[in-house]
C-alpha atoms as a PDB file:
ATOM      1  CA  UNK A   1      30.525  -2.908  49.269  1.00  0.00           C
ATOM      2  CA  UNK A   2      28.427  -3.922  46.545  1.00  0.00           C
ATOM      3  CA  UNK A   3      28.494  -1.554  43.714  1.00  0.00           C
ATOM      4  CA  UNK A   4      26.071  -1.458  41.177  1.00  0.00           C
ATOM      5  CA  UNK A   5      25.882   0.497  38.232  1.00  0.00           C
ATOM      6  CA  UNK A   6      22.318   1.853  36.221  1.00  0.00           C
ATOM      7  CA  UNK A   7      22.455   2.880  32.912  1.00  0.00           C
ATOM      8  CA  UNK A   8      18.688   3.518  32.327  1.00  0.00           C
ATOM      9  CA  UNK A   9      15.993   4.916  34.853  1.00  0.00           C
ATOM     10  CA  UNK A  10      13.804   2.412  36.898  1.00  0.00           C
ATOM     11  CA  UNK A  11      16.408  -0.359  36.073  1.00  0.00           C
ATOM     12  CA  UNK A  12      17.780  -0.932  39.249  1.00  0.00           C
ATOM     13  CA  UNK A  13      15.529  -3.868  40.067  1.00  0.00           C
ATOM     14  CA  UNK A  14      16.570  -6.056  37.084  1.00  0.00           C
ATOM     15  CA  UNK A  15      19.825  -4.942  37.385  1.00  0.00           C
ATOM     16  CA  UNK A  16      20.311  -6.054  41.023  1.00  0.00           C
ATOM     17  CA  UNK A  17      17.831  -9.928  40.403  1.00  0.00           C
ATOM     18  CA  UNK A  18      20.433 -11.669  41.383  1.00  0.00           C
ATOM     19  CA  UNK A  19      21.646 -10.049  44.322  1.00  0.00           C
ATOM     20  CA  UNK A  20      20.054 -10.988  48.552  1.00  0.00           C
ATOM     21  CA  UNK A  21      19.085  -7.311  48.506  1.00  0.00           C
ATOM     22  CA  UNK A  22      17.573  -7.704  51.978  1.00  0.00           C
ATOM     23  CA  UNK A  23      21.464  -8.502  53.611  1.00  0.00           C
ATOM     24  CA  UNK A  24      23.178  -5.757  51.564  1.00  0.00           C
ATOM     25  CA  UNK A  25      24.602  -3.341  54.405  1.00  0.00           C
ATOM     26  CA  UNK A  26      26.690  -1.228  52.434  1.00  0.00           C
ATOM     27  CA  UNK A  27      26.409  -0.173  48.839  1.00  0.00           C
ATOM     28  CA  UNK A  28      27.690   2.136  45.880  1.00  0.00           C
ATOM     29  CA  UNK A  29      25.072   2.974  43.256  1.00  0.00           C
ATOM     30  CA  UNK A  30      26.143   4.877  39.930  1.00  0.00           C
ATOM     31  CA  UNK A  31      24.562   5.594  36.515  1.00  0.00           C
ATOM     32  CA  UNK A  32      20.774   6.710  36.158  1.00  0.00           C
ATOM     33  CA  UNK A  33      18.335   6.607  38.724  1.00  0.00           C
ATOM     34  CA  UNK A  34      14.552   7.634  39.346  1.00  0.00           C
ATOM     35  CA  UNK A  35      11.889   7.258  41.984  1.00  0.00           C
ATOM     36  CA  UNK A  36      10.971   3.942  41.476  1.00  0.00           C
ATOM     37  CA  UNK A  37      14.783   2.861  41.994  1.00  0.00           C
ATOM     38  CA  UNK A  38      14.956   4.629  44.967  1.00  0.00           C
ATOM     39  CA  UNK A  39      11.821   3.004  46.250  1.00  0.00           C
ATOM     40  CA  UNK A  40      13.327  -0.257  45.504  1.00  0.00           C
ATOM     41  CA  UNK A  41      16.043   0.873  47.536  1.00  0.00           C
ATOM     42  CA  UNK A  42      13.620   1.719  50.073  1.00  0.00           C
ATOM     43  CA  UNK A  43      11.791  -1.132  50.793  1.00  0.00           C
ATOM     44  CA  UNK A  44      13.850  -4.090  49.685  1.00  0.00           C
ATOM     45  CA  UNK A  45      17.226  -3.367  51.173  1.00  0.00           C
ATOM     46  CA  UNK A  46      16.197  -3.570  54.939  1.00  0.00           C
ATOM     47  CA  UNK A  47      19.680  -3.783  55.953  1.00  0.00           C
ATOM     48  CA  UNK A  48      21.217  -1.137  54.299  1.00  0.00           C
ATOM     49  CA  UNK A  49      23.175   1.206  56.617  1.00  0.00           C
ATOM     50  CA  UNK A  50      25.563   3.131  54.003  1.00  0.00           C
ATOM     51  CA  UNK A  51      24.526   4.197  50.458  1.00  0.00           C
ATOM     52  CA  UNK A  52      27.204   6.038  48.220  1.00  0.00           C
ATOM     53  CA  UNK A  53      25.115   8.216  45.676  1.00  0.00           C
ATOM     54  CA  UNK A  54      28.064  10.526  44.314  1.00  0.00           C
ATOM     55  CA  UNK A  55      27.651   9.289  40.979  1.00  0.00           C
ATOM     56  CA  UNK A  56      24.121   9.023  40.284  1.00  0.00           C
ATOM     57  CA  UNK A  57      22.266  11.477  37.883  1.00  0.00           C
ATOM     58  CA  UNK A  58      19.522  13.306  39.551  1.00  0.00           C
ATOM     59  CA  UNK A  59      18.539  16.354  39.638  1.00  0.00           C
ATOM     60  CA  UNK A  60      15.876  16.251  42.552  1.00  0.00           C
ATOM     61  CA  UNK A  61      15.733  13.639  45.661  1.00  0.00           C
ATOM     62  CA  UNK A  62      11.498  13.037  45.875  1.00  0.00           C
ATOM     63  CA  UNK A  63       9.801  13.665  48.952  1.00  0.00           C
ATOM     64  CA  UNK A  64       9.721  11.166  51.674  1.00  0.00           C
ATOM     65  CA  UNK A  65      12.393   9.134  49.460  1.00  0.00           C
ATOM     66  CA  UNK A  66      14.178   7.990  52.632  1.00  0.00           C
ATOM     67  CA  UNK A  67      11.656   9.138  55.181  1.00  0.00           C
ATOM     68  CA  UNK A  68      12.596   7.192  58.525  1.00  0.00           C
ATOM     69  CA  UNK A  69      15.016   5.544  56.740  1.00  0.00           C
ATOM     70  CA  UNK A  70      17.343   2.993  58.835  1.00  0.00           C
ATOM     71  CA  UNK A  71      20.328   4.393  56.857  1.00  0.00           C
ATOM     72  CA  UNK A  72      22.884   5.664  59.053  1.00  0.00           C
ATOM     73  CA  UNK A  73      25.185   7.313  56.220  1.00  0.00           C
ATOM     74  CA  UNK A  74      24.825   8.455  53.221  1.00  0.00           C
ATOM     75  CA  UNK A  75      26.683  10.345  50.018  1.00  0.00           C
ATOM     76  CA  UNK A  76      24.566  12.385  48.194  1.00  0.00           C
ATOM     77  CA  UNK A  77      24.601  13.319  44.365  1.00  0.00           C
ATOM     78  CA  UNK A  78      26.691  15.284  42.785  1.00  0.00           C
ATOM     79  CA  UNK A  79      23.923  16.264  40.499  1.00  0.00           C
ATOM     80  CA  UNK A  80      21.441  16.944  42.874  1.00  0.00           C
ATOM     81  CA  UNK A  81      19.758  20.320  42.850  1.00  0.00           C
ATOM     82  CA  UNK A  82      16.430  19.674  45.634  1.00  0.00           C
ATOM     83  CA  UNK A  83      16.149  18.047  48.491  1.00  0.00           C
ATOM     84  CA  UNK A  84      12.417  17.454  48.420  1.00  0.00           C
ATOM     85  CA  UNK A  85      10.126  17.402  51.301  1.00  0.00           C
ATOM     86  CA  UNK A  86      10.585  15.467  54.509  1.00  0.00           C
ATOM     87  CA  UNK A  87      13.056  13.165  52.175  1.00  0.00           C
ATOM     88  CA  UNK A  88      14.988  12.265  55.033  1.00  0.00           C
ATOM     89  CA  UNK A  89      12.669  13.028  57.592  1.00  0.00           C
ATOM     90  CA  UNK A  90      13.301  10.876  60.483  1.00  0.00           C
ATOM     91  CA  UNK A  91      15.499   8.619  59.448  1.00  0.00           C
ATOM     92  CA  UNK A  92      18.840   7.588  60.997  1.00  0.00           C
ATOM     93  CA  UNK A  93      21.403   9.672  59.749  1.00  0.00           C
ATOM     94  CA  UNK A  94      24.397   9.932  62.034  1.00  0.00           C
ATOM     95  CA  UNK A  95      27.618  11.871  62.279  1.00  0.00           C
ATOM     96  CA  UNK A  96      28.245  14.171  59.007  1.00  0.00           C
ATOM     97  CA  UNK A  97      26.461  14.971  56.474  1.00  0.00           C
ATOM     98  CA  UNK A  98      27.999  16.909  53.285  1.00  0.00           C
ATOM     99  CA  UNK A  99      25.371  18.442  51.238  1.00  0.00           C
ATOM    100  CA  UNK A 100      26.707  19.077  47.481  1.00  0.00           C
ATOM    101  CA  UNK A 101      27.096  22.232  45.996  1.00  0.00           C
ATOM    102  CA  UNK A 102      25.050  21.771  43.326  1.00  0.00           C
ATOM    103  CA  UNK A 103      21.761  21.873  46.053  1.00  0.00           C
ATOM    104  CA  UNK A 104      19.989  25.233  45.677  1.00  0.00           C
ATOM    105  CA  UNK A 105      16.792  24.279  47.524  1.00  0.00           C
ATOM    106  CA  UNK A 106      16.252  22.513  50.710  1.00  0.00           C
ATOM    107  CA  UNK A 107      12.533  22.061  50.982  1.00  0.00           C
ATOM    108  CA  UNK A 108      10.336  21.783  54.168  1.00  0.00           C
ATOM    109  CA  UNK A 109      11.266  18.849  56.913  1.00  0.00           C
ATOM    110  CA  UNK A 110      13.878  17.613  54.212  1.00  0.00           C
ATOM    111  CA  UNK A 111      15.865  16.468  57.742  1.00  0.00           C
ATOM    112  CA  UNK A 112      12.856  16.997  60.464  1.00  0.00           C
ATOM    113  CA  UNK A 113      14.038  15.568  63.754  1.00  0.00           C
ATOM    114  CA  UNK A 114      17.257  13.607  62.282  1.00  0.00           C
ATOM    115  CA  UNK A 115      18.031  13.036  65.639  1.00  0.00           C
ATOM    116  CA  UNK A 116      21.654  11.735  65.420  1.00  0.00           C
ATOM    117  CA  UNK A 117      22.831  13.994  63.092  1.00  0.00           C
ATOM    118  CA  UNK A 118      25.407  16.134  64.242  1.00  0.00           C
ATOM    119  CA  UNK A 119      27.372  18.122  61.243  1.00  0.00           C
ATOM    120  CA  UNK A 120      26.111  19.853  58.038  1.00  0.00           C
ATOM    121  CA  UNK A 121      28.851  20.682  56.059  1.00  0.00           C
ATOM    122  CA  UNK A 122      27.990  22.444  52.443  1.00  0.00           C
ATOM    123  CA  UNK A 123      30.310  21.855  49.705  1.00  0.00           C
ATOM    124  CA  UNK A 124      32.588  24.749  48.704  1.00  0.00           C
ATOM    125  CA  UNK A 125      30.857  27.077  46.064  1.00  0.00           C
ATOM    126  CA  UNK A 126      27.392  25.872  47.423  1.00  0.00           C
ATOM    127  CA  UNK A 127      24.489  27.016  45.026  1.00  0.00           C
ATOM    128  CA  UNK A 128      22.086  27.000  48.159  1.00  0.00           C
ATOM    129  CA  UNK A 129      18.959  30.019  47.821  1.00  0.00           C
ATOM    130  CA  UNK A 130      17.025  28.374  50.157  1.00  0.00           C
ATOM    131  CA  UNK A 131      16.754  26.419  53.612  1.00  0.00           C
ATOM    132  CA  UNK A 132      12.922  25.678  53.877  1.00  0.00           C
ATOM    133  CA  UNK A 133      10.597  25.388  56.936  1.00  0.00           C
ATOM    134  CA  UNK A 134      11.341  23.372  59.404  1.00  0.00           C
ATOM    135  CA  UNK A 135      14.031  21.704  57.374  1.00  0.00           C
ATOM    136  CA  UNK A 136      16.934  20.517  60.396  1.00  0.00           C
ATOM    137  CA  UNK A 137      14.228  21.073  63.162  1.00  0.00           C
ATOM    138  CA  UNK A 138      14.224  18.361  65.923  1.00  0.00           C
ATOM    139  CA  UNK A 139      18.122  17.451  64.902  1.00  0.00           C
ATOM    140  CA  UNK A 140      18.868  17.506  68.912  1.00  0.00           C
ATOM    141  CA  UNK A 141      22.481  16.359  68.324  1.00  0.00           C
ATOM    142  CA  UNK A 142      23.477  19.175  65.299  1.00  0.00           C
ATOM    143  CA  UNK A 143      26.445  20.849  67.133  1.00  0.00           C
ATOM    144  CA  UNK A 144      27.417  23.591  64.110  1.00  0.00           C
ATOM    145  CA  UNK A 145      26.513  25.070  60.522  1.00  0.00           C
ATOM    146  CA  UNK A 146      27.852  27.580  58.516  1.00  0.00           C
ATOM    147  CA  UNK A 147      25.445  28.678  56.202  1.00  0.00           C
ATOM    148  CA  UNK A 148      26.362  29.397  52.555  1.00  0.00           C
ATOM    149  CA  UNK A 149      27.090  32.829  51.176  1.00  0.00           C
ATOM    150  CA  UNK A 150      24.789  32.898  48.390  1.00  0.00           C
ATOM    151  CA  UNK A 151      21.776  31.224  50.732  1.00  0.00           C
ATOM    152  CA  UNK A 152      18.836  34.021  50.625  1.00  0.00           C
ATOM    153  CA  UNK A 153      15.950  32.729  53.026  1.00  0.00           C
ATOM    154  CA  UNK A 154      15.906  30.438  56.006  1.00  0.00           C
ATOM    155  CA  UNK A 155      12.925  29.267  56.688  1.00  0.00           C
ATOM    156  CA  UNK A 156      10.360  29.293  59.936  1.00  0.00           C
ATOM    157  CA  UNK A 157      11.701  26.675  62.490  1.00  0.00           C
ATOM    158  CA  UNK A 158      14.376  25.778  60.302  1.00  0.00           C
ATOM    159  CA  UNK A 159      16.570  24.834  63.021  1.00  0.00           C
ATOM    160  CA  UNK A 160      14.022  24.690  65.938  1.00  0.00           C
ATOM    161  CA  UNK A 161      14.755  22.697  68.929  1.00  0.00           C
ATOM    162  CA  UNK A 162      18.682  21.782  67.707  1.00  0.00           C
ATOM    163  CA  UNK A 163      18.968  21.765  71.573  1.00  0.00           C
ATOM    164  CA  UNK A 164      22.750  20.918  70.973  1.00  0.00           C
ATOM    165  CA  UNK A 165      23.483  23.744  68.221  1.00  0.00           C
ATOM    166  CA  UNK A 166      26.772  25.992  69.745  1.00  0.00           C
ATOM    167  CA  UNK A 167      27.751  27.578  66.351  1.00  0.00           C
ATOM    168  CA  UNK A 168      25.835  29.307  63.434  1.00  0.00           C
ATOM    169  CA  UNK A 169      27.887  31.128  61.437  1.00  0.00           C
ATOM    170  CA  UNK A 170      27.492  32.767  57.830  1.00  0.00           C
ATOM    171  CA  UNK A 171      30.366  32.509  54.700  1.00  0.00           C
ATOM    172  CA  UNK A 172      31.911  35.997  54.194  1.00  0.00           C
ATOM    173  CA  UNK A 173      29.530  38.006  51.773  1.00  0.00           C
ATOM    174  CA  UNK A 174      26.245  36.585  53.049  1.00  0.00           C
ATOM    175  CA  UNK A 175      23.771  37.856  51.046  1.00  0.00           C
ATOM    176  CA  UNK A 176      21.031  36.607  53.373  1.00  0.00           C
ATOM    177  CA  UNK A 177      18.213  38.269  53.324  1.00  0.00           C
ATOM    178  CA  UNK A 178      14.987  36.947  55.705  1.00  0.00           C
ATOM    179  CA  UNK A 179      14.788  34.500  58.674  1.00  0.00           C
ATOM    180  CA  UNK A 180      11.605  33.227  59.200  1.00  0.00           C
ATOM    181  CA  UNK A 181       9.731  32.991  62.555  1.00  0.00           C
ATOM    182  CA  UNK A 182       7.057  34.113  64.418  1.00  0.00           C
ATOM    183  CA  UNK A 183       3.579  32.561  66.489  1.00  0.00           C
ATOM    184  CA  UNK A 184       0.766  30.155  64.968  1.00  0.00           C
ATOM    185  CA  UNK A 185      -2.266  28.878  66.754  1.00  0.00           C
ATOM    186  CA  UNK A 186      -0.204  29.121  69.915  1.00  0.00           C
ATOM    187  CA  UNK A 187       3.531  27.149  67.678  1.00  0.00           C
ATOM    188  CA  UNK A 188       6.545  28.894  67.920  1.00  0.00           C
ATOM    189  CA  UNK A 189       8.105  29.097  64.720  1.00  0.00           C
ATOM    190  CA  UNK A 190      11.686  30.854  65.461  1.00  0.00           C
ATOM    191  CA  UNK A 191      13.947  29.882  63.200  1.00  0.00           C
ATOM    192  CA  UNK A 192      16.152  29.375  65.875  1.00  0.00           C
ATOM    193  CA  UNK A 193      13.617  29.062  68.797  1.00  0.00           C
ATOM    194  CA  UNK A 194      14.561  26.734  71.828  1.00  0.00           C
ATOM    195  CA  UNK A 195      18.253  26.743  70.745  1.00  0.00           C
ATOM    196  CA  UNK A 196      19.511  26.677  74.187  1.00  0.00           C
ATOM    197  CA  UNK A 197      23.270  25.897  73.505  1.00  0.00           C
ATOM    198  CA  UNK A 198      23.421  28.668  70.624  1.00  0.00           C
ATOM    199  CA  UNK A 199      24.970  31.729  72.768  1.00  0.00           C
ATOM    200  CA  UNK A 200      25.681  34.160  70.240  1.00  0.00           C
ATOM    201  CA  UNK A 201      24.534  34.832  66.243  1.00  0.00           C
ATOM    202  CA  UNK A 202      25.770  37.566  63.887  1.00  0.00           C
ATOM    203  CA  UNK A 203      23.346  38.078  61.828  1.00  0.00           C
ATOM    204  CA  UNK A 204      24.659  39.529  57.796  1.00  0.00           C
ATOM    205  CA  UNK A 205      24.281  42.811  57.228  1.00  0.00           C
ATOM    206  CA  UNK A 206      22.047  41.798  54.102  1.00  0.00           C
ATOM    207  CA  UNK A 207      19.570  40.720  56.140  1.00  0.00           C
ATOM    208  CA  UNK A 208      16.526  42.372  55.789  1.00  0.00           C
ATOM    209  CA  UNK A 209      13.968  41.135  57.821  1.00  0.00           C
ATOM    210  CA  UNK A 210      13.915  39.107  61.020  1.00  0.00           C
END
């Protein structure tokens, strides 16, 4: 496990000048990162499979920052508030994923087509308000999810084609207001469309729109 600390945003490249970045498989990085640093990880570390960013100070993971990444295990920053559009779309993340309590918004297609992802766990005291359109669409191995109590909106196709999904639960005291869906241009956009393994779901009393 390679451990790296970056004091100043944008300095990851210079901090790692003496490392054989192309052959790093496991890395823990801490400190302050920005978009440029994440691009460096994405393009300069093709062998990377485990990435721990729990001690990174960053509010937003940029759009497409790990799209189609070969990383199979990732620990997200404990400070992140927004997981931007397609940030992990079609990546190789597998097994269990913990989304920190700090996350307020999961933007559209954030985890679209992450076919090896099996479990999503939201940190205790989660601040999540919105699960965006297509956030987990096509996560064919996803088996269960517990929606945080403060979550108000589940977007169109949010869990569409999650064919292994058997359990969808809502935390006690759920404030859910809307579950997206409908049809457009012959596309069926239901939040749980084609979840063929899902046998039952209890919609919170707070929900106003389906």
